[in-house]
C-alpha cells in the first residue's frame, strides 16, 4: 500500500521557487490500477519520483507497505527500488547492444541471483508479455510496442509489488498504446499495484481509478472501481469482445 501524507516538494529554478507538490495526501491500495493524470507542470512526474523512491519530499510522510521511506538512506532506497518497484518509461530505456533476454536479465544480475533462477524468471517474464519467440532479438529488430513489452518484462522480472509506468504509451501509436494498457491491466489482475502517469485522458480512462493533478495539488480523485466503456477503448484504439476482453482495433 502507498500512503502519502501532506507531501510538499519545492524546486529552486533560478530566482524562483516552484512548488511542485503542495500538501498532497493520497492512498493507493495493494492491488489498484490507478492513473495519475495532468498537464505538463502539474506535478505528476514529481509525484512519480517520490512514489518510486527516486526523490524525497521536503516535508510530509511516505509509507510504502507500511514502511516510512521519507528519510531513508540512499542505500536503503536503492534496495527498495530494485526489489519492490518495477519501472516502465516512455523511452523504453533498453540497451541497444543487448538482446531482449539480456535486457530483462540485467536487474537479476545486479541482485546476484544464480544463473538457473535468472533463466527461469526471464523466460517467464518474456512469455507473460507475449515475447517468448523474440527473446534473442535486439531492440532495433523490434517494433516500438514490442520494445515497451520488453521494458515491462524487465519491470516484472524482479517480482515487485508496485509497477510505475511513466507515459508508457507516449512513443507509441494508438493501437500499440492500447495493447500496452491492456497488458498493464493483465499485470494488475495478476496481483500487482499498477500506477500509470499520463497526460492523455483516453489512456487514463482505461485505469480503474483516476487521480488528477493541477499546480501540484490533487484536484480530483474518483477513487471508484469504474468499468471500462466501449467509448474509452475506442478513444485509445481498442475494442471489446463479447466476453469483455480488450482487443486491438
Protein backbone atom coordinates (compact mmCIF):
# COMPACT_ATOMS: atom_id res chain seq x y z
CA UNK A 1 0.00 0.00 0.00
CA UNK A 2 1.10 3.54 -0.80
CA UNK A 3 0.33 6.32 1.66
CA UNK A 4 1.31 9.93 1.02
CA UNK A 5 0.63 12.26 3.92
CA UNK A 6 0.83 16.04 3.47
CA UNK A 7 3.66 15.82 0.95
CA UNK A 8 5.37 19.03 -0.17
CA UNK A 9 8.15 19.33 -2.74
CA UNK A 10 9.78 22.52 -3.99
CA UNK A 11 12.50 23.22 -6.55
CA UNK A 12 14.72 26.25 -7.00
CA UNK A 13 14.51 27.49 -10.60
CA UNK A 14 16.91 30.41 -10.81
CA UNK A 15 15.44 33.11 -8.63
CA UNK A 16 12.08 31.37 -8.43
CA UNK A 17 10.86 28.70 -6.05
CA UNK A 18 8.49 26.24 -7.71
CA UNK A 19 6.11 24.25 -5.51
CA UNK A 20 5.91 21.01 -7.46
CA UNK A 21 3.66 19.32 -4.88
CA UNK A 22 1.53 21.08 -2.29
CA UNK A 23 0.16 19.25 0.75
CA UNK A 24 -0.61 16.07 -1.21
CA UNK A 25 -2.28 13.22 0.67
CA UNK A 26 -3.13 10.02 -1.14
CA UNK A 27 -3.62 6.32 -0.50
CA UNK A 28 -3.34 3.63 -3.20
CA UNK A 29 -4.18 0.05 -2.28
CA UNK A 30 -2.06 -3.03 -2.85
CA UNK A 31 -3.91 -4.19 -5.96
CA UNK A 32 -5.20 -0.99 -7.50
CA UNK A 33 -4.82 0.08 -11.13
CA UNK A 34 -4.60 3.87 -10.96
CA UNK A 35 -3.73 6.65 -13.38
CA UNK A 36 -2.20 9.95 -12.31
CA UNK A 37 -3.19 12.48 -14.93
CA UNK A 38 -2.39 16.12 -15.53
CA UNK A 39 -0.81 18.53 -17.99
CA UNK A 40 2.88 19.38 -18.15
CA UNK A 41 3.92 21.11 -14.95
CA UNK A 42 1.08 19.68 -12.88
CA UNK A 43 3.40 17.73 -10.59
CA UNK A 44 2.71 14.22 -11.82
CA UNK A 45 6.37 13.41 -12.64
CA UNK A 46 7.44 14.71 -9.23
CA UNK A 47 4.82 12.52 -7.58
CA UNK A 48 6.06 9.52 -9.57
CA UNK A 49 9.64 10.21 -8.50
CA UNK A 50 8.61 10.34 -4.85
CA UNK A 51 6.43 7.22 -5.05
CA UNK A 52 9.27 5.45 -6.88
CA UNK A 53 11.84 6.49 -4.24
CA UNK A 54 13.79 8.40 -6.90
CA UNK A 55 13.36 11.66 -4.97
CA UNK A 56 12.39 12.65 -1.46
CA UNK A 57 9.77 15.08 -0.23
CA UNK A 58 10.71 18.26 1.61
CA UNK A 59 8.10 17.51 4.26
CA UNK A 60 5.32 15.05 4.94
CA UNK A 61 5.38 11.27 5.15
CA UNK A 62 5.51 8.50 2.58
CA UNK A 63 4.73 4.96 3.69
CA UNK A 64 5.34 2.08 1.28
CA UNK A 65 3.84 -1.19 2.50
CA UNK A 66 3.72 0.35 5.97
CA UNK A 67 7.39 1.43 5.98
CA UNK A 68 8.20 5.12 6.30
CA UNK A 69 10.66 5.79 3.48
CA UNK A 70 10.86 9.59 3.52
CA UNK A 71 14.15 9.80 5.38
CA UNK A 72 15.83 6.52 4.48
CA UNK A 73 19.42 6.40 3.29
CA UNK A 74 20.15 6.23 -0.43
CA UNK A 75 21.46 2.69 0.02
CA UNK A 76 18.17 1.57 1.55
CA UNK A 77 16.15 3.41 -1.10
CA UNK A 78 18.18 1.72 -3.83
CA UNK A 79 17.33 -1.66 -2.32
CA UNK A 80 13.62 -0.78 -2.25
CA UNK A 81 13.73 0.36 -5.89
CA UNK A 82 15.45 -2.80 -7.05
CA UNK A 83 13.26 -5.28 -5.19
CA UNK A 84 9.84 -3.72 -4.61
CA UNK A 85 9.24 -1.34 -7.53
CA UNK A 86 9.24 -2.03 -11.26
CA UNK A 87 9.69 0.97 -13.60
CA UNK A 88 8.42 1.41 -17.15
CA UNK A 89 9.45 4.57 -19.01
CA UNK A 90 8.31 6.36 -22.15
CA UNK A 91 11.70 5.95 -23.83
CA UNK A 92 11.91 2.18 -23.08
CA UNK A 93 15.50 2.60 -21.77
CA UNK A 94 16.74 -0.62 -23.35
CA UNK A 95 20.43 -1.24 -24.00
CA UNK A 96 20.74 -1.43 -27.77
CA UNK A 97 23.61 -3.94 -27.85
CA UNK A 98 21.77 -6.45 -25.68
CA UNK A 99 19.03 -8.86 -26.71
CA UNK A 100 15.55 -8.76 -25.20
CA UNK A 101 16.58 -11.65 -22.96
CA UNK A 102 19.73 -9.87 -21.79
CA UNK A 103 17.90 -6.58 -21.12
CA UNK A 104 15.35 -8.37 -18.95
CA UNK A 105 18.06 -10.33 -17.16
CA UNK A 106 20.06 -7.26 -16.07
CA UNK A 107 18.16 -6.46 -12.83
CA UNK A 108 18.59 -10.06 -11.70
CA UNK A 109 22.33 -9.95 -12.37
CA UNK A 110 22.55 -6.83 -10.18
CA UNK A 111 20.65 -8.72 -7.47
CA UNK A 112 23.17 -11.56 -7.62
CA UNK A 113 20.67 -14.31 -8.46
CA UNK A 114 22.14 -17.62 -9.70
CA UNK A 115 22.03 -18.39 -13.43
CA UNK A 116 19.29 -21.03 -13.24
CA UNK A 117 16.97 -18.73 -11.31
CA UNK A 118 17.65 -15.87 -13.72
CA UNK A 119 16.94 -18.06 -16.74
CA UNK A 120 13.62 -19.24 -15.31
CA UNK A 121 12.45 -15.74 -14.39
CA UNK A 122 13.48 -14.10 -17.67
CA UNK A 123 11.73 -16.74 -19.77
CA UNK A 124 8.65 -16.46 -17.59
CA UNK A 125 8.56 -12.65 -17.85
CA UNK A 126 9.02 -12.60 -21.63
CA UNK A 127 6.30 -15.22 -22.04
CA UNK A 128 3.97 -13.15 -19.87
CA UNK A 129 4.31 -10.16 -22.23
CA UNK A 130 3.97 -12.32 -25.34
CA UNK A 131 7.59 -12.22 -26.49
CA UNK A 132 8.78 -15.77 -25.85
CA UNK A 133 9.70 -16.00 -29.55
CA UNK A 134 11.58 -12.68 -29.60
CA UNK A 135 13.99 -13.12 -26.70
CA UNK A 136 17.09 -13.20 -28.93
CA UNK A 137 16.13 -10.06 -30.85
CA UNK A 138 17.86 -6.75 -30.19
CA UNK A 139 15.83 -3.53 -29.73
CA UNK A 140 16.42 -2.37 -33.33
CA UNK A 141 14.81 -5.62 -34.50
CA UNK A 142 11.63 -4.95 -32.51
CA UNK A 143 8.72 -2.57 -33.02
CA UNK A 144 8.07 0.22 -30.52
CA UNK A 145 5.28 -1.76 -28.92
CA UNK A 146 7.49 -4.83 -28.63
CA UNK A 147 10.29 -2.77 -27.07
CA UNK A 148 7.85 -1.48 -24.46
CA UNK A 149 6.81 -5.08 -23.78
CA UNK A 150 10.46 -5.92 -23.12
CA UNK A 151 10.60 -2.97 -20.72
CA UNK A 152 7.51 -4.28 -18.91
CA UNK A 153 9.07 -7.76 -18.70
CA UNK A 154 12.18 -6.17 -17.20
CA UNK A 155 9.98 -4.42 -14.63
CA UNK A 156 8.19 -7.68 -13.77
CA UNK A 157 11.22 -9.95 -13.56
CA UNK A 158 12.17 -8.85 -10.03
CA UNK A 159 8.60 -9.68 -8.89
CA UNK A 160 7.86 -6.25 -7.41
CA UNK A 161 4.62 -5.35 -5.65
CA UNK A 162 4.39 -1.99 -7.45
CA UNK A 163 4.68 -1.16 -11.16
CA UNK A 164 5.21 2.52 -12.01
CA UNK A 165 4.69 3.38 -15.68
CA UNK A 166 5.63 6.91 -16.75
CA UNK A 167 3.87 7.83 -20.02
CA UNK A 168 4.22 4.20 -21.20
CA UNK A 169 2.27 4.88 -24.41
CA UNK A 170 3.83 8.25 -25.19
CA UNK A 171 6.07 6.97 -28.02
CA UNK A 172 3.52 4.56 -29.47
CA UNK A 173 0.69 4.78 -31.97
CA UNK A 174 -2.84 4.40 -30.63
CA UNK A 175 -3.06 0.70 -31.42
CA UNK A 176 0.24 -0.18 -29.74
CA UNK A 177 -0.68 2.09 -26.83
CA UNK A 178 -3.95 0.21 -26.31
CA UNK A 179 -2.03 -3.09 -26.38
CA UNK A 180 0.35 -1.85 -23.68
CA UNK A 181 -2.52 -0.64 -21.49
CA UNK A 182 -4.29 -4.00 -21.91
CA UNK A 183 -1.03 -5.71 -20.87
CA UNK A 184 -0.68 -3.47 -17.79
CA UNK A 185 -4.29 -4.31 -16.93
CA UNK A 186 -3.42 -8.02 -17.02
CA UNK A 187 -0.36 -7.34 -14.83
CA UNK A 188 -2.68 -5.65 -12.34
CA UNK A 189 -5.09 -8.60 -12.45
CA UNK A 190 -2.17 -10.88 -11.58
CA UNK A 191 -1.85 -9.11 -8.24
CA UNK A 192 0.35 -6.06 -8.79
CA UNK A 193 -0.42 -2.48 -7.90
CA UNK A 194 -0.03 -0.54 -11.16
CA UNK A 195 0.22 3.25 -11.38
CA UNK A 196 0.32 4.91 -14.79
CA UNK A 197 1.42 8.54 -15.17
CA UNK A 198 -0.07 10.17 -18.25
CA UNK A 199 -1.32 13.41 -19.78
CA UNK A 200 -3.74 11.50 -22.03
CA UNK A 201 -7.32 11.26 -20.76
CA UNK A 202 -8.16 8.35 -23.08
CA UNK A 203 -5.29 6.34 -21.58
CA UNK A 204 -6.22 7.31 -18.01
CA UNK A 205 -9.79 6.15 -18.66
CA UNK A 206 -8.50 2.58 -19.05
CA UNK A 207 -7.40 2.51 -15.40
CA UNK A 208 -9.81 1.71 -12.58
CA UNK A 209 -9.06 4.97 -10.78
CA UNK A 210 -8.06 8.41 -11.98
CA UNK A 211 -6.20 10.96 -9.87
CA UNK A 212 -5.95 14.41 -11.43
CA UNK A 213 -3.20 16.88 -10.55
CA UNK A 214 -3.02 20.60 -11.24
CA UNK A 215 -0.40 23.03 -9.94
CA UNK A 216 0.97 20.41 -7.58
CA UNK A 217 -2.38 19.59 -5.95
CA UNK A 218 -4.81 16.69 -6.23
CA UNK A 219 -7.95 18.32 -7.65
CA UNK A 220 -9.93 15.16 -8.47
CA UNK A 221 -9.82 11.51 -7.44
CA UNK A 222 -12.74 9.31 -8.36
CA UNK A 223 -11.44 6.51 -6.12
CA UNK A 224 -14.04 4.14 -7.51
CA UNK A 225 -13.88 0.85 -9.40
CA UNK A 226 -15.17 2.03 -12.77
CA UNK A 227 -15.88 -0.30 -15.68
CA UNK A 228 -14.05 0.43 -18.94
CA UNK A 229 -16.55 1.60 -21.52
CA UNK A 230 -16.59 0.92 -25.24
CA UNK A 231 -16.08 4.66 -25.78
CA UNK A 232 -12.92 4.60 -23.65
CA UNK A 233 -11.46 1.69 -25.61
CA UNK A 234 -12.36 3.29 -28.94
CA UNK A 235 -10.61 6.51 -27.94
CA UNK A 236 -7.48 4.52 -27.04
CA UNK A 237 -7.58 2.43 -30.23
CA UNK A 238 -9.07 -0.83 -28.92
CA UNK A 239 -12.42 -2.62 -28.84
CA UNK A 240 -14.16 -5.13 -26.58
CA UNK A 241 -15.12 -8.66 -27.44
CA UNK A 242 -18.46 -10.12 -26.40
CA UNK A 243 -16.88 -11.65 -23.30
CA UNK A 244 -15.45 -8.31 -22.19
CA UNK A 245 -11.86 -8.84 -23.24
CA UNK A 246 -9.93 -5.89 -24.69
CA UNK A 247 -8.51 -6.33 -28.18
CA UNK A 248 -6.74 -4.07 -30.60
CA UNK A 249 -8.74 -2.22 -33.21
